[in-house]
Amino acid sequence: MEFSETLAKRRMVRNYTDEPVTREQLERIAQAGARAPSAGNTRGQSFVVVTDSATRQAIAGLAGESHYVDLGFDPWISRAPAHIIIGVSEAAYHNRYQETDKLGPDGEIEWPVPYWWVDAGASLMAILLAAIDEGLAAGFLGVHAFDELEALVGMPEDVSAIGIVTIGHPAADRRSGSLNRPAPIGIHWERWHAQT
């Protein structure tokens, strides 16, 4: 599949069929996330791939899936045959930037941007696009019960979950009302200027 076609097909899917996803597909998708860039080649991103039904049900509970269902959405979190929880370690970045090749004359950099979150976002997009390249669909959600999620899947203390990608074969779903919102993305050349 051409990249432009993959990008055009990318959307957040909120319903899946019962058709299984293979371990090989999930391994390729997770490896795509691992290939995303990271500041200083820190590689502070990590993933927990969940296919166990009981664990996916527990994650759906933590994510408030019943609220989605009450709003007319399908039980897409529990129905998805696979979840990939994206995590990142801020400590890994501090450790990396205290190594000789990254340490400046004044010590570790000031971190004007928390690049660990940027890198986690890069992994997220790579995972979303890799799912499409595998002929699958994906959706991202924030759980907002991060401590419980991290404990459920045994994440170490220095790793923070940023959210969950649901993966599976797409089924008809109720589209988000957000799609009706005209929200142009500003693209500017040379200097910022008003949209016309």
Protein backbone atom coordinates (compact mmCIF):
# COMPACT_ATOMS: atom_id res chain seq x y z
CA MET A 1 0.00 0.00 0.00
CA GLU A 2 1.33 3.46 -0.90
CA PHE A 3 1.97 5.82 2.02
CA SER A 4 -0.53 8.39 0.71
CA GLU A 5 -3.22 5.69 0.63
CA THR A 6 -2.33 4.54 4.16
CA LEU A 7 -2.52 8.12 5.42
CA ALA A 8 -5.85 8.73 3.68
CA LYS A 9 -7.34 5.62 5.32
CA ARG A 10 -6.24 6.63 8.82
CA ARG A 11 -9.11 7.39 11.17
CA MET A 12 -10.07 6.48 14.71
CA VAL A 13 -12.19 3.33 14.48
CA ARG A 14 -14.64 2.62 17.29
CA ASN A 15 -15.97 -0.83 16.41
CA TYR A 16 -14.44 -4.13 15.36
CA THR A 17 -15.53 -7.49 14.01
CA ASP A 18 -14.85 -10.78 15.81
CA GLU A 19 -12.20 -11.70 13.23
CA PRO A 20 -8.89 -12.38 15.02
CA VAL A 21 -5.65 -10.48 14.54
CA THR A 22 -2.52 -12.60 14.23
CA ARG A 23 0.44 -12.36 16.58
CA GLU A 24 2.64 -11.73 13.55
CA GLN A 25 0.56 -8.69 12.59
CA LEU A 26 0.75 -7.34 16.13
CA GLU A 27 4.51 -7.92 16.25
CA ARG A 28 4.97 -5.93 13.02
CA ILE A 29 2.74 -3.14 14.32
CA ALA A 30 4.60 -2.93 17.64
CA GLN A 31 7.94 -2.99 15.80
CA ALA A 32 6.76 -0.02 13.71
CA GLY A 33 6.14 1.86 16.97
CA ALA A 34 9.63 0.92 18.13
CA ARG A 35 11.09 2.37 14.91
CA ALA A 36 9.72 5.85 15.67
CA PRO A 37 12.33 8.51 16.37
CA SER A 38 13.42 9.40 19.88
CA ALA A 39 15.46 12.32 21.20
CA GLY A 40 19.10 11.35 21.50
CA ASN A 41 18.14 7.84 20.39
CA THR A 42 17.00 7.35 23.98
CA ARG A 43 14.43 4.70 22.99
CA GLY A 44 12.35 5.51 26.05
CA GLN A 45 9.11 4.30 24.48
CA SER A 46 7.67 0.90 25.34
CA PHE A 47 4.53 -1.08 24.58
CA VAL A 48 2.36 -3.69 26.24
CA VAL A 49 0.39 -5.74 23.71
CA VAL A 50 -2.79 -7.14 25.26
CA THR A 51 -4.88 -9.86 23.63
CA ASP A 52 -6.27 -11.61 26.73
CA SER A 53 -10.05 -11.13 26.84
CA ALA A 54 -10.29 -10.65 30.61
CA THR A 55 -7.55 -8.01 30.59
CA ARG A 56 -9.19 -6.19 27.67
CA GLN A 57 -12.49 -6.22 29.62
CA ALA A 58 -10.71 -4.76 32.65
CA ILE A 59 -9.11 -2.07 30.48
CA ALA A 60 -12.53 -1.24 29.01
CA GLY A 61 -13.83 -0.81 32.56
CA LEU A 62 -10.96 1.51 33.47
CA ALA A 63 -11.62 3.49 30.28
CA GLY A 64 -15.30 3.95 31.11
CA GLU A 65 -16.56 1.98 28.12
CA SER A 66 -20.06 1.85 29.61
CA HIS A 67 -20.21 5.65 29.23
CA TYR A 68 -19.39 5.30 25.50
CA VAL A 69 -22.10 2.68 25.12
CA ASP A 70 -24.61 4.96 26.90
CA LEU A 71 -23.76 7.62 24.28
CA GLY A 72 -24.67 5.21 21.47
CA PHE A 73 -21.22 3.88 20.62
CA ASP A 74 -20.45 0.18 20.33
CA PRO A 75 -18.39 -1.51 23.08
CA TRP A 76 -15.33 -0.96 20.94
CA ILE A 77 -12.68 -1.10 23.64
CA SER A 78 -13.57 -4.56 24.92
CA ARG A 79 -14.51 -5.79 21.43
CA ALA A 80 -11.14 -4.94 19.87
CA PRO A 81 -9.11 -8.16 19.70
CA ALA A 82 -5.90 -6.35 20.65
CA HIS A 83 -4.75 -3.33 22.63
CA ILE A 84 -1.34 -1.74 22.55
CA ILE A 85 -0.62 0.37 25.62
CA ILE A 86 2.01 2.99 24.84
CA GLY A 87 4.38 3.89 27.64
CA VAL A 88 7.33 6.20 28.00
CA SER A 89 10.03 6.67 30.62
CA GLU A 90 10.98 10.26 31.40
CA ALA A 91 13.82 8.91 33.55
CA ALA A 92 15.35 7.23 30.49
CA TYR A 93 15.69 10.66 28.85
CA HIS A 94 17.32 12.23 31.89
CA ASN A 95 19.71 9.28 32.12
CA ARG A 96 20.54 9.48 28.41
CA TYR A 97 21.21 13.22 28.52
CA GLN A 98 23.64 12.75 31.39
CA GLU A 99 25.83 10.50 29.22
CA THR A 100 29.09 11.92 27.91
CA ASP A 101 27.98 12.49 24.33
CA LYS A 102 24.88 14.45 25.43
CA LEU A 103 26.11 16.20 28.56
CA GLY A 104 26.75 19.90 27.99
CA PRO A 105 29.20 22.13 29.86
CA ASP A 106 26.40 23.11 32.25
CA GLY A 107 25.13 19.56 32.77
CA GLU A 108 21.90 18.08 31.47
CA ILE A 109 19.88 20.24 29.08
CA GLU A 110 16.98 22.31 30.45
CA TRP A 111 14.34 20.36 28.42
CA PRO A 112 12.40 23.28 26.91
CA VAL A 113 10.01 20.66 25.54
CA PRO A 114 9.36 17.30 27.27
CA TYR A 115 10.54 15.27 24.27
CA TRP A 116 9.54 11.97 25.89
CA TRP A 117 5.89 12.91 25.18
CA VAL A 118 6.79 13.92 21.62
CA ASP A 119 8.49 10.58 21.07
CA ALA A 120 5.52 8.68 22.52
CA GLY A 121 3.30 10.56 20.05
CA ALA A 122 5.61 9.57 17.20
CA SER A 123 5.29 5.92 18.27
CA LEU A 124 1.52 6.32 18.47
CA MET A 125 1.29 7.57 14.88
CA ALA A 126 3.62 4.82 13.63
CA ILE A 127 1.39 2.21 15.31
CA LEU A 128 -1.80 3.71 13.87
CA LEU A 129 -0.35 3.75 10.35
CA ALA A 130 1.17 0.27 10.67
CA ALA A 131 -2.23 -1.13 11.62
CA ILE A 132 -3.69 0.24 8.39
CA ASP A 133 -0.75 -1.13 6.42
CA GLU A 134 -1.64 -4.56 7.86
CA GLY A 135 -5.21 -4.20 6.53
CA LEU A 136 -6.54 -3.52 10.02
CA ALA A 137 -8.07 -0.54 11.80
CA ALA A 138 -7.12 1.26 14.99
CA GLY A 139 -8.39 3.79 17.49
CA PHE A 140 -6.67 5.70 20.27
CA LEU A 141 -8.09 6.45 23.68
CA GLY A 142 -6.91 7.98 26.88
CA VAL A 143 -7.83 5.94 29.91
CA HIS A 144 -7.44 8.66 32.57
CA ALA A 145 -7.04 5.94 35.22
CA PHE A 146 -3.35 5.67 34.47
CA ASP A 147 -2.19 4.31 37.83
CA GLU A 148 -4.75 1.49 37.66
CA LEU A 149 -3.91 0.72 34.02
CA GLU A 150 -0.17 0.64 34.72
CA ALA A 151 -0.74 -1.67 37.72
CA LEU A 152 -3.06 -3.93 35.71
CA VAL A 153 -0.40 -4.65 33.07
CA GLY A 154 2.58 -4.50 35.44
CA MET A 155 4.34 -1.44 34.03
CA PRO A 156 7.44 -0.47 36.01
CA GLU A 157 7.24 2.61 38.21
CA ASP A 158 9.39 4.74 35.89
CA VAL A 159 7.16 4.10 32.83
CA SER A 160 4.04 6.21 32.26
CA ALA A 161 1.21 5.08 30.00
CA ILE A 162 -0.01 7.72 27.56
CA GLY A 163 -3.02 5.76 26.32
CA ILE A 164 -4.22 2.74 24.41
CA VAL A 165 -4.48 1.84 20.74
CA THR A 166 -7.29 -0.62 19.95
CA ILE A 167 -6.61 -2.81 16.91
CA GLY A 168 -8.80 -5.12 14.86
CA HIS A 169 -10.79 -5.56 11.68
CA PRO A 170 -13.15 -2.60 11.24
CA ALA A 171 -16.91 -2.95 11.61
CA ALA A 172 -19.54 -0.32 10.91
CA ASP A 173 -19.32 2.28 13.64
CA ARG A 174 -20.89 5.50 14.79
CA ARG A 175 -18.63 8.32 13.70
CA SER A 176 -17.54 10.87 16.25
CA GLY A 177 -19.42 14.17 16.27
CA SER A 178 -16.00 15.85 16.22
CA LEU A 179 -15.79 15.05 12.50
CA ASN A 180 -18.50 17.67 11.85
CA ARG A 181 -16.38 20.40 13.38
CA PRO A 182 -14.63 22.57 10.80
CA ALA A 183 -11.12 22.64 12.19
CA PRO A 184 -8.61 23.68 9.55
CA ILE A 185 -5.02 23.01 10.42
CA GLY A 186 -2.88 26.08 9.93
CA ILE A 187 -0.17 25.66 7.34
CA HIS A 188 1.91 28.77 6.89
CA TRP A 189 4.81 29.52 4.57
CA GLU A 190 7.81 31.56 5.66
CA ARG A 191 5.88 33.42 8.41
CA TRP A 192 2.69 33.03 10.41
CA HIS A 193 -0.15 34.98 8.83
CA ALA A 194 -3.91 35.11 9.09
CA GLN A 195 -5.95 32.43 7.35
CA THR A 196 -7.84 33.70 4.30
